């Protein structure tokens, strides 16, 4: 997913502001598994949003689902 993020950034598509605000990347081994899980879903949501033509397309539905999973993951590590 990070490679996809890099691809879209090089093409000038997407800012990935939500993912970057988390200040976490795959190499941050000191972060918890729950934090990484949350970051993956946030990144997935942003990638799917870029790829979506509308909210009803396959990528659009994936974006919505990734947002739901990101919220659940955040609740897990907030406990």
N, C-alpha and C. Protein backbone atom coordinates (compact mmCIF):
# COMPACT_ATOMS: atom_id res chain seq x y z
N UNK A 1 0.82 -1.19 0.00
CA UNK A 1 0.00 0.00 0.00
C UNK A 1 0.87 1.26 0.00
N UNK A 2 2.00 1.18 0.67
CA UNK A 2 2.90 2.34 0.68
C UNK A 2 3.46 2.58 -0.73
N UNK A 3 3.67 1.51 -1.48
CA UNK A 3 4.13 1.67 -2.86
C UNK A 3 3.04 2.34 -3.71
N UNK A 4 1.79 1.98 -3.47
CA UNK A 4 0.69 2.62 -4.19
C UNK A 4 0.63 4.10 -3.82
N UNK A 5 0.81 4.41 -2.54
CA UNK A 5 0.83 5.80 -2.07
C UNK A 5 1.92 6.57 -2.81
N UNK A 6 3.10 5.98 -2.87
CA UNK A 6 4.23 6.62 -3.56
C UNK A 6 3.90 6.86 -5.03
N UNK A 7 3.29 5.87 -5.69
CA UNK A 7 2.91 6.00 -7.09
C UNK A 7 1.97 7.19 -7.29
N UNK A 8 0.92 7.28 -6.47
CA UNK A 8 -0.05 8.37 -6.62
C UNK A 8 0.58 9.72 -6.30
N UNK A 9 1.47 9.76 -5.33
CA UNK A 9 2.16 11.02 -5.01
C UNK A 9 3.03 11.47 -6.19
N UNK A 10 3.73 10.53 -6.80
CA UNK A 10 4.58 10.87 -7.96
C UNK A 10 3.75 11.38 -9.13
N UNK A 11 2.52 10.90 -9.24
CA UNK A 11 1.62 11.35 -10.31
C UNK A 11 0.87 12.63 -9.94
N UNK A 12 1.10 13.13 -8.73
CA UNK A 12 0.43 14.35 -8.29
C UNK A 12 -1.00 14.14 -7.87
N UNK A 13 -1.34 12.91 -7.51
CA UNK A 13 -2.70 12.60 -7.09
C UNK A 13 -2.71 12.27 -5.61
N UNK A 14 -3.53 12.94 -4.85
CA UNK A 14 -3.69 12.63 -3.44
C UNK A 14 -2.67 13.28 -2.55
N UNK A 15 -3.14 13.73 -1.42
CA UNK A 15 -2.25 14.35 -0.45
C UNK A 15 -1.95 13.42 0.72
N UNK A 16 -2.83 12.45 0.95
CA UNK A 16 -2.67 11.48 2.04
C UNK A 16 -2.49 12.18 3.39
N UNK A 17 -3.24 13.24 3.59
CA UNK A 17 -3.10 14.05 4.80
C UNK A 17 -3.50 13.30 6.06
N UNK A 18 -4.54 12.48 6.00
CA UNK A 18 -4.95 11.73 7.19
C UNK A 18 -3.88 10.72 7.58
N UNK A 19 -3.34 10.03 6.60
CA UNK A 19 -2.29 9.04 6.87
C UNK A 19 -1.04 9.73 7.42
N UNK A 20 -0.65 10.82 6.80
CA UNK A 20 0.56 11.52 7.24
C UNK A 20 0.38 12.12 8.63
N UNK A 21 -0.84 12.51 8.98
CA UNK A 21 -1.10 13.08 10.31
C UNK A 21 -0.87 12.05 11.41
N UNK A 22 -0.96 10.77 11.07
CA UNK A 22 -0.74 9.72 12.06
C UNK A 22 0.74 9.58 12.43
N UNK A 23 1.61 10.07 11.56
CA UNK A 23 3.06 10.00 11.75
C UNK A 23 3.51 8.58 12.07
N UNK A 24 3.08 7.66 11.22
CA UNK A 24 3.45 6.25 11.36
C UNK A 24 3.72 5.68 9.98
N UNK A 25 4.72 4.82 9.90
CA UNK A 25 5.03 4.15 8.64
C UNK A 25 5.39 2.70 8.96
N UNK A 26 5.50 1.87 7.94
CA UNK A 26 5.80 0.46 8.18
C UNK A 26 7.10 0.22 8.96
N UNK A 27 8.02 1.15 8.93
CA UNK A 27 9.30 0.94 9.63
C UNK A 27 9.26 1.35 11.10
N UNK A 28 8.18 1.90 11.56
CA UNK A 28 8.07 2.31 12.96
C UNK A 28 7.72 1.11 13.83
N UNK A 29 8.72 0.33 14.17
CA UNK A 29 8.51 -0.90 14.93
C UNK A 29 8.14 -0.64 16.39
N UNK A 30 8.36 0.56 16.87
CA UNK A 30 8.04 0.88 18.26
C UNK A 30 6.55 1.18 18.46
N UNK A 31 5.81 1.30 17.39
CA UNK A 31 4.37 1.57 17.48
C UNK A 31 3.62 0.26 17.65
N UNK A 32 2.46 0.33 18.27
CA UNK A 32 1.68 -0.88 18.55
C UNK A 32 1.07 -1.46 17.27
N UNK A 33 0.71 -2.73 17.37
CA UNK A 33 0.06 -3.41 16.25
C UNK A 33 -1.26 -2.72 15.92
N UNK A 34 -2.00 -2.30 16.94
CA UNK A 34 -3.28 -1.62 16.73
C UNK A 34 -3.09 -0.30 16.00
N UNK A 35 -2.02 0.43 16.31
CA UNK A 35 -1.75 1.70 15.62
C UNK A 35 -1.43 1.45 14.15
N UNK A 36 -0.64 0.41 13.88
CA UNK A 36 -0.33 0.06 12.49
C UNK A 36 -1.59 -0.37 11.74
N UNK A 37 -2.43 -1.13 12.40
CA UNK A 37 -3.68 -1.59 11.79
C UNK A 37 -4.55 -0.39 11.41
N UNK A 38 -4.66 0.56 12.32
CA UNK A 38 -5.43 1.78 12.06
C UNK A 38 -4.84 2.53 10.87
N UNK A 39 -3.52 2.66 10.85
CA UNK A 39 -2.85 3.39 9.77
C UNK A 39 -3.08 2.72 8.41
N UNK A 40 -3.07 1.40 8.39
CA UNK A 40 -3.32 0.67 7.14
C UNK A 40 -4.71 0.98 6.60
N UNK A 41 -5.71 0.99 7.48
CA UNK A 41 -7.07 1.26 7.04
C UNK A 41 -7.23 2.71 6.59
N UNK A 42 -6.57 3.64 7.27
CA UNK A 42 -6.63 5.05 6.86
C UNK A 42 -5.99 5.20 5.48
N UNK A 43 -4.84 4.59 5.29
CA UNK A 43 -4.17 4.65 3.99
C UNK A 43 -5.01 3.99 2.91
N UNK A 44 -5.59 2.84 3.23
CA UNK A 44 -6.46 2.15 2.27
C UNK A 44 -7.65 2.99 1.86
N UNK A 45 -8.23 3.69 2.82
CA UNK A 45 -9.36 4.58 2.53
C UNK A 45 -8.93 5.69 1.57
N UNK A 46 -7.78 6.29 1.85
CA UNK A 46 -7.33 7.39 0.99
C UNK A 46 -6.99 6.91 -0.42
N UNK A 47 -6.38 5.74 -0.54
CA UNK A 47 -6.08 5.19 -1.86
C UNK A 47 -7.37 4.87 -2.61
N UNK A 48 -8.31 4.23 -1.93
CA UNK A 48 -9.58 3.88 -2.57
C UNK A 48 -10.34 5.13 -2.99
N UNK A 49 -10.26 6.19 -2.21
CA UNK A 49 -10.94 7.44 -2.55
C UNK A 49 -10.37 8.02 -3.85
N UNK A 50 -9.05 7.96 -4.00
CA UNK A 50 -8.41 8.45 -5.22
C UNK A 50 -8.88 7.63 -6.43
N UNK A 51 -9.01 6.33 -6.24
CA UNK A 51 -9.37 5.44 -7.35
C UNK A 51 -10.86 5.45 -7.67
N UNK A 52 -11.68 5.93 -6.76
CA UNK A 52 -13.13 5.86 -6.93
C UNK A 52 -13.63 6.90 -7.93
N UNK A 53 -14.55 6.47 -8.76
CA UNK A 53 -15.20 7.39 -9.68
C UNK A 53 -16.40 8.03 -8.99
N UNK A 54 -17.04 7.28 -8.12
CA UNK A 54 -18.13 7.78 -7.31
C UNK A 54 -18.27 6.86 -6.10
N UNK A 55 -19.12 7.21 -5.17
CA UNK A 55 -19.23 6.43 -3.94
C UNK A 55 -19.86 5.05 -4.15
N UNK A 56 -20.43 4.81 -5.32
CA UNK A 56 -21.07 3.53 -5.58
C UNK A 56 -20.19 2.58 -6.39
N UNK A 57 -19.04 3.05 -6.85
CA UNK A 57 -18.12 2.18 -7.58
C UNK A 57 -17.47 1.20 -6.60
N UNK A 58 -16.81 0.20 -7.12
CA UNK A 58 -16.13 -0.76 -6.25
C UNK A 58 -15.14 -0.08 -5.34
N UNK A 59 -14.33 0.82 -5.89
CA UNK A 59 -13.35 1.53 -5.07
C UNK A 59 -14.03 2.48 -4.09
N UNK A 60 -15.15 3.04 -4.49
CA UNK A 60 -15.90 3.92 -3.59
C UNK A 60 -16.43 3.16 -2.39
N UNK A 61 -16.95 1.97 -2.63
CA UNK A 61 -17.42 1.14 -1.52
C UNK A 61 -16.26 0.70 -0.64
N UNK A 62 -15.11 0.43 -1.26
CA UNK A 62 -13.92 0.05 -0.50
C UNK A 62 -13.49 1.20 0.39
N UNK A 63 -13.56 2.41 -0.12
CA UNK A 63 -13.20 3.58 0.67
C UNK A 63 -14.07 3.70 1.92
N UNK A 64 -15.36 3.51 1.75
CA UNK A 64 -16.29 3.59 2.87
C UNK A 64 -15.98 2.49 3.88
N UNK A 65 -15.73 1.29 3.39
CA UNK A 65 -15.43 0.16 4.29
C UNK A 65 -14.11 0.38 5.03
N UNK A 66 -13.11 0.90 4.36
CA UNK A 66 -11.83 1.18 5.01
C UNK A 66 -12.00 2.21 6.13
N UNK A 67 -12.86 3.21 5.90
CA UNK A 67 -13.12 4.20 6.94
C UNK A 67 -13.75 3.53 8.15
N UNK A 68 -14.69 2.62 7.93
CA UNK A 68 -15.32 1.90 9.04
C UNK A 68 -14.28 1.09 9.81
N UNK A 69 -13.41 0.39 9.09
CA UNK A 69 -12.39 -0.43 9.73
C UNK A 69 -11.37 0.43 10.47
N UNK A 70 -11.05 1.61 9.93
CA UNK A 70 -10.13 2.52 10.60
C UNK A 70 -10.71 2.98 11.93
N UNK A 71 -12.00 3.26 11.95
CA UNK A 71 -12.65 3.68 13.19
C UNK A 71 -12.62 2.56 14.23
N UNK A 72 -12.89 1.34 13.79
CA UNK A 72 -12.83 0.20 14.71
C UNK A 72 -11.42 -0.01 15.26
N UNK A 73 -10.43 0.09 14.39
CA UNK A 73 -9.05 -0.10 14.82
C UNK A 73 -8.64 0.98 15.81
N UNK A 74 -9.11 2.19 15.59
CA UNK A 74 -8.79 3.30 16.51
C UNK A 74 -9.40 3.02 17.88
N UNK A 75 -10.60 2.49 17.90
CA UNK A 75 -11.24 2.15 19.17
C UNK A 75 -10.46 1.07 19.91
N UNK A 76 -9.86 0.13 19.17
CA UNK A 76 -9.08 -0.94 19.78
C UNK A 76 -7.86 -0.40 20.51
N UNK A 77 -7.10 0.50 19.86
CA UNK A 77 -5.89 0.96 20.54
C UNK A 77 -6.16 2.11 21.51
N UNK A 78 -7.36 2.64 21.51
CA UNK A 78 -7.72 3.68 22.47
C UNK A 78 -8.06 3.07 23.83
N UNK A 79 -8.33 1.77 23.83
CA UNK A 79 -8.70 1.08 25.09
C UNK A 79 -7.52 0.87 25.98
